Amino acid sequence: MDALGRLAWIAAVALASLASTGATAPTAMSAQRHPGQELTVPILMYHLIDVSTPSEPAITRRLTVRPDDFAAQMRWLSAHGYHTVTQLQLLEALEGNAPLPAKPLLITFDDGYADVFFKASTTLLRLHMHATAYVITSRISGSDPSFLTWDLLHALEARHRDRVAHRLARRPARAVRPRGRR
């Protein structure tokens, strides 16, 4: 498997790890580095960073983390010595080409909701944390205002440089009803 294939595998594991939990608890991914050595990296995956209401579908409520809870989670991780890494750093470590910091952690955002820019990236920037955003390009600048626009995506890239990955294709979206609020 080439480097891009391994990176896609890491992404698939990250997306599958917490898809049903709404990132309420870390999941660890283990992979063989060299015979007899194992590398374990927790992966936190988020969808929506916002305030949900009881009138929203249950799936939306489960996939939503309040902005103050998200900020508190990031502060706790930082205060307890966790260091976020990019997927490229993780890939290099899995291949044995580079070490990871103590207590490495991968943070991802799924689907490309605008909340990642408005309600998550400032917290990450303030705490010097990395994250990867997976976007559904067909929804960028589309009719649903709860998703990123191309301008916001470019601003997110400028703010976090190597911290945003793009998805060009994806299975049809689940029955999550975005709110369109900022």
N, C-alpha and C. Protein backbone atom coordinates (compact mmCIF):
# COMPACT_ATOMS: atom_id res chain seq x y z
N MET A 1 0.86 -1.18 0.00
CA MET A 1 0.00 0.00 0.00
C MET A 1 0.90 1.24 0.00
N ASP A 2 0.61 2.20 -0.91
CA ASP A 2 1.43 3.40 -0.97
C ASP A 2 1.06 4.37 0.15
N ALA A 3 1.81 5.48 0.26
CA ALA A 3 1.60 6.43 1.35
C ALA A 3 0.20 7.01 1.34
N LEU A 4 -0.32 7.35 0.16
CA LEU A 4 -1.66 7.90 0.08
C LEU A 4 -2.70 6.86 0.51
N GLY A 5 -2.49 5.62 0.15
CA GLY A 5 -3.40 4.56 0.56
C GLY A 5 -3.39 4.37 2.07
N ARG A 6 -2.20 4.44 2.66
CA ARG A 6 -2.11 4.32 4.12
C ARG A 6 -2.78 5.49 4.81
N LEU A 7 -2.62 6.70 4.24
CA LEU A 7 -3.26 7.87 4.81
C LEU A 7 -4.78 7.73 4.71
N ALA A 8 -5.28 7.22 3.61
CA ALA A 8 -6.72 6.99 3.47
C ALA A 8 -7.19 5.95 4.49
N TRP A 9 -6.37 4.92 4.73
CA TRP A 9 -6.73 3.91 5.73
C TRP A 9 -6.81 4.55 7.12
N ILE A 10 -5.85 5.40 7.45
CA ILE A 10 -5.88 6.09 8.74
C ILE A 10 -7.16 6.93 8.84
N ALA A 11 -7.49 7.63 7.78
CA ALA A 11 -8.69 8.46 7.78
C ALA A 11 -9.94 7.60 7.96
N ALA A 12 -9.99 6.47 7.29
CA ALA A 12 -11.16 5.59 7.42
C ALA A 12 -11.30 5.09 8.85
N VAL A 13 -10.19 4.73 9.46
CA VAL A 13 -10.23 4.28 10.85
C VAL A 13 -10.71 5.41 11.74
N ALA A 14 -10.20 6.62 11.50
CA ALA A 14 -10.60 7.77 12.30
C ALA A 14 -12.09 8.03 12.17
N LEU A 15 -12.61 7.95 10.96
CA LEU A 15 -14.02 8.22 10.75
C LEU A 15 -14.90 7.13 11.34
N ALA A 16 -14.45 5.90 11.27
CA ALA A 16 -15.24 4.80 11.79
C ALA A 16 -15.17 4.72 13.31
N SER A 17 -14.07 5.18 13.88
CA SER A 17 -13.85 5.01 15.30
C SER A 17 -14.93 5.63 16.18
N LEU A 18 -15.31 6.84 15.85
CA LEU A 18 -16.22 7.56 16.74
C LEU A 18 -17.52 7.98 16.06
N ALA A 19 -17.84 7.38 14.92
CA ALA A 19 -19.01 7.81 14.17
C ALA A 19 -20.29 7.74 14.99
N SER A 20 -20.40 6.78 15.85
CA SER A 20 -21.66 6.64 16.59
C SER A 20 -21.63 7.32 17.96
N THR A 21 -20.49 7.92 18.34
CA THR A 21 -20.41 8.47 19.68
C THR A 21 -20.46 9.97 19.75
N GLY A 22 -20.29 10.65 18.64
CA GLY A 22 -20.26 12.11 18.69
C GLY A 22 -19.03 12.63 19.40
N ALA A 23 -17.97 11.84 19.45
CA ALA A 23 -16.69 12.23 20.04
C ALA A 23 -16.80 12.52 21.52
N THR A 24 -17.61 11.75 22.23
CA THR A 24 -17.72 11.97 23.66
C THR A 24 -16.62 11.26 24.44
N ALA A 25 -15.93 10.33 23.81
CA ALA A 25 -14.83 9.64 24.48
C ALA A 25 -13.78 9.28 23.44
N PRO A 26 -12.49 9.35 23.80
CA PRO A 26 -11.46 9.02 22.82
C PRO A 26 -11.43 7.53 22.51
N THR A 27 -11.05 7.23 21.29
CA THR A 27 -10.83 5.87 20.85
C THR A 27 -9.38 5.78 20.42
N ALA A 28 -8.73 4.69 20.71
CA ALA A 28 -7.33 4.55 20.33
C ALA A 28 -7.21 3.70 19.08
N MET A 29 -6.28 4.08 18.23
CA MET A 29 -5.96 3.30 17.05
C MET A 29 -4.57 2.74 17.25
N SER A 30 -4.41 1.46 17.06
CA SER A 30 -3.09 0.84 17.19
C SER A 30 -2.66 0.32 15.83
N ALA A 31 -1.40 0.43 15.56
CA ALA A 31 -0.86 -0.09 14.31
C ALA A 31 0.57 -0.56 14.56
N GLN A 32 0.97 -1.56 13.83
CA GLN A 32 2.33 -2.07 13.95
C GLN A 32 3.30 -1.10 13.29
N ARG A 33 4.33 -0.69 14.01
CA ARG A 33 5.38 0.16 13.46
C ARG A 33 6.50 -0.73 12.94
N HIS A 34 7.05 -1.52 13.80
CA HIS A 34 8.09 -2.48 13.48
C HIS A 34 7.69 -3.75 14.21
N PRO A 35 8.21 -4.88 13.81
CA PRO A 35 7.85 -6.10 14.54
C PRO A 35 8.04 -5.92 16.05
N GLY A 36 6.99 -6.18 16.80
CA GLY A 36 7.07 -6.08 18.25
C GLY A 36 6.78 -4.71 18.81
N GLN A 37 6.65 -3.68 17.96
CA GLN A 37 6.36 -2.33 18.44
C GLN A 37 4.95 -1.95 18.03
N GLU A 38 4.27 -1.24 18.90
CA GLU A 38 2.92 -0.78 18.62
C GLU A 38 2.81 0.69 18.93
N LEU A 39 2.06 1.39 18.12
CA LEU A 39 1.83 2.82 18.28
C LEU A 39 0.34 3.01 18.52
N THR A 40 -0.03 3.65 19.62
CA THR A 40 -1.43 3.89 19.93
C THR A 40 -1.69 5.39 19.97
N VAL A 41 -2.67 5.83 19.17
CA VAL A 41 -3.00 7.25 19.08
C VAL A 41 -4.52 7.41 19.21
N PRO A 42 -4.99 8.10 20.25
CA PRO A 42 -6.43 8.37 20.35
C PRO A 42 -6.89 9.28 19.20
N ILE A 43 -8.10 9.07 18.73
CA ILE A 43 -8.68 9.89 17.67
C ILE A 43 -10.03 10.41 18.16
N LEU A 44 -10.17 11.73 18.14
CA LEU A 44 -11.44 12.35 18.48
C LEU A 44 -12.05 12.89 17.19
N MET A 45 -13.27 12.47 16.87
CA MET A 45 -13.95 12.94 15.67
C MET A 45 -15.20 13.71 16.07
N TYR A 46 -15.34 14.87 15.49
CA TYR A 46 -16.49 15.73 15.75
C TYR A 46 -17.25 15.97 14.45
N HIS A 47 -18.54 16.28 14.59
CA HIS A 47 -19.35 16.70 13.45
C HIS A 47 -19.76 18.16 13.62
N LEU A 48 -20.65 18.41 14.55
CA LEU A 48 -21.20 19.74 14.76
C LEU A 48 -20.75 20.30 16.11
N ILE A 49 -20.29 21.54 16.10
CA ILE A 49 -19.94 22.25 17.33
C ILE A 49 -20.96 23.39 17.42
N ASP A 50 -21.98 23.17 18.22
CA ASP A 50 -23.08 24.13 18.29
C ASP A 50 -23.95 23.79 19.49
N VAL A 51 -25.02 24.52 19.67
CA VAL A 51 -26.00 24.24 20.72
C VAL A 51 -27.19 23.58 20.05
N SER A 52 -27.51 22.37 20.45
CA SER A 52 -28.65 21.69 19.84
C SER A 52 -29.90 21.95 20.67
N THR A 53 -31.03 21.73 20.04
CA THR A 53 -32.31 21.94 20.70
C THR A 53 -33.10 20.63 20.70
N PRO A 54 -34.02 20.46 21.63
CA PRO A 54 -34.81 19.23 21.69
C PRO A 54 -35.63 18.98 20.43
N SER A 55 -35.92 20.00 19.66
CA SER A 55 -36.74 19.83 18.46
C SER A 55 -35.95 19.22 17.29
N GLU A 56 -34.65 19.17 17.40
CA GLU A 56 -33.83 18.61 16.32
C GLU A 56 -33.86 17.09 16.35
N PRO A 57 -33.59 16.47 15.21
CA PRO A 57 -33.57 15.00 15.17
C PRO A 57 -32.55 14.44 16.17
N ALA A 58 -32.82 13.26 16.69
CA ALA A 58 -31.94 12.63 17.67
C ALA A 58 -30.52 12.49 17.15
N ILE A 59 -30.36 12.14 15.88
CA ILE A 59 -29.01 11.96 15.32
C ILE A 59 -28.25 13.29 15.36
N THR A 60 -28.91 14.40 15.07
CA THR A 60 -28.26 15.70 15.11
C THR A 60 -27.83 16.03 16.53
N ARG A 61 -28.71 15.77 17.49
CA ARG A 61 -28.36 16.04 18.88
C ARG A 61 -27.16 15.19 19.32
N ARG A 62 -27.12 13.93 18.88
CA ARG A 62 -26.00 13.05 19.26
C ARG A 62 -24.68 13.49 18.63
N LEU A 63 -24.74 14.09 17.46
CA LEU A 63 -23.53 14.50 16.75
C LEU A 63 -23.10 15.93 17.07
N THR A 64 -23.81 16.58 17.96
CA THR A 64 -23.52 17.98 18.29
C THR A 64 -22.85 18.08 19.66
N VAL A 65 -21.77 18.84 19.70
CA VAL A 65 -21.06 19.14 20.95
C VAL A 65 -21.16 20.65 21.15
N ARG A 66 -21.57 21.05 22.34
CA ARG A 66 -21.68 22.48 22.65
C ARG A 66 -20.30 23.15 22.54
N PRO A 67 -20.24 24.38 22.03
CA PRO A 67 -18.96 25.07 21.90
C PRO A 67 -18.20 25.18 23.23
N ASP A 68 -18.90 25.44 24.34
CA ASP A 68 -18.19 25.54 25.61
C ASP A 68 -17.67 24.17 26.06
N ASP A 69 -18.39 23.10 25.75
CA ASP A 69 -17.90 21.76 26.06
C ASP A 69 -16.68 21.41 25.21
N PHE A 70 -16.73 21.77 23.93
CA PHE A 70 -15.59 21.53 23.04
C PHE A 70 -14.36 22.26 23.56
N ALA A 71 -14.52 23.53 23.89
CA ALA A 71 -13.39 24.32 24.40
C ALA A 71 -12.86 23.71 25.70
N ALA A 72 -13.75 23.26 26.57
CA ALA A 72 -13.32 22.64 27.83
C ALA A 72 -12.57 21.33 27.56
N GLN A 73 -13.04 20.55 26.59
CA GLN A 73 -12.35 19.31 26.25
C GLN A 73 -10.94 19.61 25.73
N MET A 74 -10.81 20.60 24.87
CA MET A 74 -9.50 20.95 24.32
C MET A 74 -8.57 21.48 25.41
N ARG A 75 -9.10 22.31 26.31
CA ARG A 75 -8.28 22.82 27.43
C ARG A 75 -7.82 21.67 28.32
N TRP A 76 -8.72 20.72 28.59
CA TRP A 76 -8.36 19.57 29.43
C TRP A 76 -7.24 18.77 28.76
N LEU A 77 -7.39 18.50 27.47
CA LEU A 77 -6.35 17.74 26.76
C LEU A 77 -5.01 18.46 26.83
N SER A 78 -5.02 19.75 26.58
CA SER A 78 -3.80 20.53 26.62
C SER A 78 -3.18 20.54 28.02
N ALA A 79 -4.02 20.74 29.03
CA ALA A 79 -3.53 20.79 30.41
C ALA A 79 -2.98 19.45 30.88
N HIS A 80 -3.44 18.36 30.28
CA HIS A 80 -2.99 17.02 30.67
C HIS A 80 -1.91 16.46 29.74
N GLY A 81 -1.27 17.35 28.99
CA GLY A 81 -0.09 16.97 28.23
C GLY A 81 -0.32 16.31 26.90
N TYR A 82 -1.54 16.34 26.37
CA TYR A 82 -1.78 15.76 25.04
C TYR A 82 -1.30 16.72 23.97
N HIS A 83 -0.76 16.17 22.90
CA HIS A 83 -0.26 16.95 21.78
C HIS A 83 -0.96 16.48 20.51
N THR A 84 -1.68 17.39 19.86
CA THR A 84 -2.35 17.00 18.62
C THR A 84 -1.32 16.86 17.51
N VAL A 85 -1.59 15.93 16.62
CA VAL A 85 -0.72 15.70 15.48
C VAL A 85 -1.56 15.71 14.21
N THR A 86 -0.91 15.97 13.10
CA THR A 86 -1.58 15.91 11.81
C THR A 86 -1.58 14.46 11.32
N GLN A 87 -2.39 14.19 10.33
CA GLN A 87 -2.39 12.83 9.77
C GLN A 87 -1.06 12.52 9.10
N LEU A 88 -0.42 13.51 8.52
CA LEU A 88 0.88 13.27 7.92
C LEU A 88 1.91 12.90 8.99
N GLN A 89 1.88 13.57 10.13
CA GLN A 89 2.79 13.20 11.22
C GLN A 89 2.53 11.77 11.68
N LEU A 90 1.26 11.39 11.76
CA LEU A 90 0.91 10.03 12.17
C LEU A 90 1.40 9.02 11.14
N LEU A 91 1.20 9.32 9.87
CA LEU A 91 1.67 8.42 8.80
C LEU A 91 3.19 8.25 8.87
N GLU A 92 3.91 9.34 9.05
CA GLU A 92 5.37 9.26 9.13
C GLU A 92 5.80 8.41 10.33
N ALA A 93 5.09 8.54 11.44
CA ALA A 93 5.41 7.74 12.62
C ALA A 93 5.08 6.27 12.38
N LEU A 94 3.96 5.99 11.73
CA LEU A 94 3.60 4.60 11.44
C LEU A 94 4.61 3.93 10.53
N GLU A 95 5.19 4.72 9.65
CA GLU A 95 6.21 4.19 8.74
C GLU A 95 7.59 4.15 9.39
N GLY A 96 7.68 4.64 10.62
CA GLY A 96 8.95 4.63 11.33
C GLY A 96 9.90 5.72 10.92
N ASN A 97 9.40 6.75 10.22
CA ASN A 97 10.26 7.82 9.72
C ASN A 97 10.39 9.02 10.65
N ALA A 98 9.50 9.12 11.64
CA ALA A 98 9.54 10.27 12.55
C ALA A 98 8.86 9.90 13.86
N PRO A 99 9.36 10.46 14.95
CA PRO A 99 8.72 10.18 16.24
C PRO A 99 7.50 11.07 16.44
N LEU A 100 6.62 10.64 17.30
CA LEU A 100 5.48 11.46 17.71
C LEU A 100 5.78 12.05 19.07
N PRO A 101 5.14 13.17 19.40
CA PRO A 101 5.33 13.73 20.74
C PRO A 101 4.71 12.81 21.79
N ALA A 102 5.01 13.06 23.03
CA ALA A 102 4.37 12.32 24.12
C ALA A 102 2.87 12.58 24.06
N LYS A 103 2.08 11.57 24.38
CA LYS A 103 0.62 11.67 24.38
C LYS A 103 0.06 12.26 23.08
N PRO A 104 0.34 11.63 21.94
CA PRO A 104 -0.19 12.14 20.68
C PRO A 104 -1.70 11.93 20.59
N LEU A 105 -2.36 12.79 19.83
CA LEU A 105 -3.81 12.76 19.69
C LEU A 105 -4.16 13.31 18.31
N LEU A 106 -5.12 12.68 17.64
CA LEU A 106 -5.60 13.16 16.34
C LEU A 106 -7.02 13.67 16.52
N ILE A 107 -7.31 14.89 16.04
CA ILE A 107 -8.65 15.47 16.09
C ILE A 107 -9.14 15.65 14.67
N THR A 108 -10.37 15.19 14.39
CA THR A 108 -10.94 15.35 13.06
C THR A 108 -12.35 15.94 13.15
N PHE A 109 -12.73 16.60 12.07
CA PHE A 109 -14.08 17.14 11.91
C PHE A 109 -14.63 16.56 10.62
N ASP A 110 -15.85 16.05 10.67
CA ASP A 110 -16.44 15.39 9.51
C ASP A 110 -17.48 16.25 8.83
N ASP A 111 -17.52 16.19 7.54
CA ASP A 111 -18.57 16.72 6.66
C ASP A 111 -18.40 18.16 6.21
N GLY A 112 -17.62 18.99 6.89
CA GLY A 112 -17.40 20.36 6.43
C GLY A 112 -18.42 21.37 6.90
N TYR A 113 -18.93 21.17 8.10
CA TYR A 113 -19.86 22.16 8.66
C TYR A 113 -19.12 23.46 8.96
N ALA A 114 -19.81 24.58 8.80
CA ALA A 114 -19.22 25.90 9.05
C ALA A 114 -18.81 26.07 10.51
N ASP A 115 -19.42 25.29 11.40
CA ASP A 115 -19.08 25.37 12.82
C ASP A 115 -17.58 25.15 13.06
N VAL A 116 -16.94 24.35 12.22
CA VAL A 116 -15.51 24.09 12.43
C VAL A 116 -14.72 25.40 12.32
N PHE A 117 -15.17 26.29 11.44
CA PHE A 117 -14.50 27.59 11.33
C PHE A 117 -14.93 28.53 12.44
N PHE A 118 -16.24 28.66 12.63
CA PHE A 118 -16.76 29.66 13.56
C PHE A 118 -16.65 29.28 15.03
N LYS A 119 -16.71 28.00 15.34
CA LYS A 119 -16.81 27.61 16.75
C LYS A 119 -15.73 26.65 17.23
N ALA A 120 -14.88 26.17 16.35
CA ALA A 120 -13.83 25.24 16.78
C ALA A 120 -12.42 25.75 16.48
N SER A 121 -12.22 26.33 15.30
CA SER A 121 -10.85 26.66 14.90
C SER A 121 -10.21 27.73 15.77
N THR A 122 -10.99 28.66 16.30
CA THR A 122 -10.37 29.67 17.17
C THR A 122 -9.87 29.05 18.47
N THR A 123 -10.62 28.09 19.00
CA THR A 123 -10.16 27.38 20.21
C THR A 123 -8.88 26.62 19.90
N LEU A 124 -8.86 25.91 18.78
CA LEU A 124 -7.67 25.14 18.40
C LEU A 124 -6.47 26.06 18.18
N LEU A 125 -6.70 27.16 17.51
CA LEU A 125 -5.61 28.11 17.25
C LEU A 125 -5.05 28.67 18.55
N ARG A 126 -5.93 29.06 19.45
CA ARG A 126 -5.52 29.62 20.73
C ARG A 126 -4.67 28.63 21.53
N LEU A 127 -5.00 27.35 21.42
CA LEU A 127 -4.29 26.31 22.18
C LEU A 127 -3.16 25.65 21.37
N HIS A 128 -2.90 26.16 20.16
CA HIS A 128 -1.84 25.64 19.29
C HIS A 128 -2.08 24.16 18.97
N MET A 129 -3.32 23.82 18.65
CA MET A 129 -3.69 22.44 18.36
C MET A 129 -3.97 22.27 16.87
N HIS A 130 -3.69 21.07 16.38
CA HIS A 130 -3.94 20.70 14.99
C HIS A 130 -5.25 19.94 14.90
N ALA A 131 -5.87 19.97 13.71
CA ALA A 131 -7.05 19.17 13.44
C ALA A 131 -7.15 18.97 11.93
N THR A 132 -7.90 17.97 11.55
CA THR A 132 -8.15 17.70 10.13
C THR A 132 -9.64 17.79 9.88
N ALA A 133 -10.02 18.54 8.85
CA ALA A 133 -11.43 18.66 8.48
C ALA A 133 -11.66 17.90 7.18
N TYR A 134 -12.62 17.01 7.20
CA TYR A 134 -13.04 16.31 5.99
C TYR A 134 -14.29 16.99 5.46
N VAL A 135 -14.21 17.48 4.25
CA VAL A 135 -15.34 18.20 3.68
C VAL A 135 -15.95 17.41 2.54
N ILE A 136 -17.24 17.61 2.35
CA ILE A 136 -17.94 17.07 1.19
C ILE A 136 -17.97 18.21 0.19
N THR A 137 -17.13 18.12 -0.84
CA THR A 137 -16.95 19.27 -1.73
C THR A 137 -18.23 19.68 -2.43
N SER A 138 -19.14 18.76 -2.66
CA SER A 138 -20.39 19.12 -3.33
C SER A 138 -21.27 20.01 -2.45
N ARG A 139 -20.98 20.05 -1.15
CA ARG A 139 -21.77 20.90 -0.24
C ARG A 139 -21.12 22.25 0.03
N ILE A 140 -19.88 22.42 -0.39
CA ILE A 140 -19.18 23.68 -0.17
C ILE A 140 -19.84 24.75 -1.04
N SER A 141 -20.19 25.88 -0.41
CA SER A 141 -20.86 27.00 -1.08
C SER A 141 -22.17 26.57 -1.73
N GLY A 142 -22.80 25.56 -1.19
CA GLY A 142 -24.09 25.11 -1.71
C GLY A 142 -25.24 25.88 -1.08
N SER A 143 -26.43 25.33 -1.24
CA SER A 143 -27.63 26.03 -0.76
C SER A 143 -27.81 25.93 0.76
N ASP A 144 -27.11 25.01 1.41
CA ASP A 144 -27.25 24.83 2.85
C ASP A 144 -26.21 25.68 3.58
N PRO A 145 -26.63 26.73 4.28
CA PRO A 145 -25.67 27.63 4.93
C PRO A 145 -24.94 27.03 6.12
N SER A 146 -25.30 25.82 6.54
CA SER A 146 -24.59 25.23 7.68
C SER A 146 -23.25 24.63 7.26
N PHE A 147 -22.98 24.58 5.95
CA PHE A 147 -21.70 24.06 5.47
C PHE A 147 -20.77 25.21 5.10
N LEU A 148 -19.48 24.93 5.10
CA LEU A 148 -18.48 25.91 4.72
C LEU A 148 -18.71 26.42 3.31
N THR A 149 -18.28 27.65 3.08
CA THR A 149 -18.21 28.18 1.72
C THR A 149 -16.76 28.02 1.28
N TRP A 150 -16.51 28.24 -0.02
CA TRP A 150 -15.13 28.15 -0.49
C TRP A 150 -14.27 29.21 0.20
N ASP A 151 -14.81 30.41 0.39
CA ASP A 151 -14.05 31.46 1.08
C ASP A 151 -13.71 31.06 2.51
N LEU A 152 -14.68 30.49 3.22
CA LEU A 152 -14.40 30.03 4.59
C LEU A 152 -13.40 28.89 4.61
N LEU A 153 -13.50 27.99 3.65
CA LEU A 153 -12.55 26.87 3.58
C LEU A 153 -11.13 27.39 3.34
N HIS A 154 -11.00 28.36 2.44
CA HIS A 154 -9.67 28.96 2.19
C HIS A 154 -9.17 29.69 3.44
N ALA A 155 -10.07 30.37 4.14
CA ALA A 155 -9.67 31.06 5.38
C ALA A 155 -9.24 30.04 6.44
N LEU A 156 -9.94 28.90 6.49
CA LEU A 156 -9.58 27.84 7.43
C LEU A 156 -8.20 27.29 7.09
N GLU A 157 -7.95 27.08 5.81
CA GLU A 157 -6.63 26.62 5.38
C GLU A 157 -5.54 27.63 5.74
N ALA A 158 -5.81 28.90 5.52
CA ALA A 158 -4.82 29.94 5.84
C ALA A 158 -4.56 29.97 7.34
N ARG A 159 -5.60 29.76 8.13
CA ARG A 159 -5.48 29.79 9.59
C ARG A 159 -4.71 28.57 10.09
N HIS A 160 -4.91 27.44 9.46
CA HIS A 160 -4.34 26.19 9.97
C HIS A 160 -3.45 25.48 8.95
N ARG A 161 -3.08 26.12 7.90
CA ARG A 161 -2.19 25.58 6.86
C ARG A 161 -2.37 24.09 6.56
N ASP A 162 -1.51 23.25 7.10
CA ASP A 162 -1.51 21.83 6.75
C ASP A 162 -2.53 21.04 7.56
N ARG A 163 -3.46 21.68 8.16
CA ARG A 163 -4.35 20.99 9.08
C ARG A 163 -5.70 20.64 8.47
N VAL A 164 -5.89 20.91 7.20
CA VAL A 164 -7.17 20.63 6.58
C VAL A 164 -6.96 19.70 5.40
N ALA A 165 -7.69 18.60 5.36
CA ALA A 165 -7.65 17.68 4.23
C ALA A 165 -8.98 17.75 3.52
N HIS A 166 -8.97 17.55 2.22
CA HIS A 166 -10.20 17.62 1.43
C HIS A 166 -10.64 16.24 0.98
N ARG A 167 -11.92 16.02 1.00
CA ARG A 167 -12.52 14.81 0.44
C ARG A 167 -13.23 15.22 -0.83
N LEU A 168 -12.96 14.53 -1.89
CA LEU A 168 -13.60 14.86 -3.16
C LEU A 168 -14.87 14.06 -3.39
N ALA A 169 -15.01 12.94 -2.74
CA ALA A 169 -16.21 12.12 -2.92
C ALA A 169 -16.53 11.47 -1.59
N ARG A 170 -17.79 11.16 -1.44
CA ARG A 170 -18.20 10.55 -0.19
C ARG A 170 -19.56 9.90 -0.39
N ARG A 171 -19.85 8.93 0.43
CA ARG A 171 -21.16 8.30 0.35
C ARG A 171 -22.23 9.33 0.66
N PRO A 172 -23.48 9.10 0.30
CA PRO A 172 -24.53 10.08 0.59
C PRO A 172 -24.59 10.42 2.07
N ALA A 173 -24.92 11.67 2.34
CA ALA A 173 -24.97 12.13 3.73
C ALA A 173 -26.04 11.39 4.51
N ARG A 174 -25.75 11.22 5.81
CA ARG A 174 -26.73 10.60 6.69
C ARG A 174 -27.88 11.57 6.96
N ALA A 175 -28.85 11.12 7.67
CA ALA A 175 -30.03 11.94 7.94
C ALA A 175 -29.77 12.94 9.06
N VAL A 176 -28.75 13.75 8.92
CA VAL A 176 -28.45 14.80 9.89
C VAL A 176 -29.04 16.09 9.32
N ARG A 177 -29.83 16.74 10.10
CA ARG A 177 -30.44 17.99 9.65
C ARG A 177 -29.61 19.16 10.20
N PRO A 178 -28.75 19.75 9.37
CA PRO A 178 -27.97 20.90 9.83
C PRO A 178 -28.91 22.05 10.15
N ARG A 179 -28.51 22.85 11.10
CA ARG A 179 -29.36 23.93 11.56
C ARG A 179 -29.21 25.21 10.78
N GLY A 180 -28.05 25.43 10.17
CA GLY A 180 -27.85 26.68 9.44
C GLY A 180 -27.53 27.86 10.33
N ARG A 181 -27.39 27.66 11.63
CA ARG A 181 -27.03 28.74 12.55
C ARG A 181 -25.53 28.88 12.59
N ARG A 182 -25.07 30.04 12.98
CA ARG A 182 -23.64 30.23 13.16
C ARG A 182 -23.45 30.54 14.58
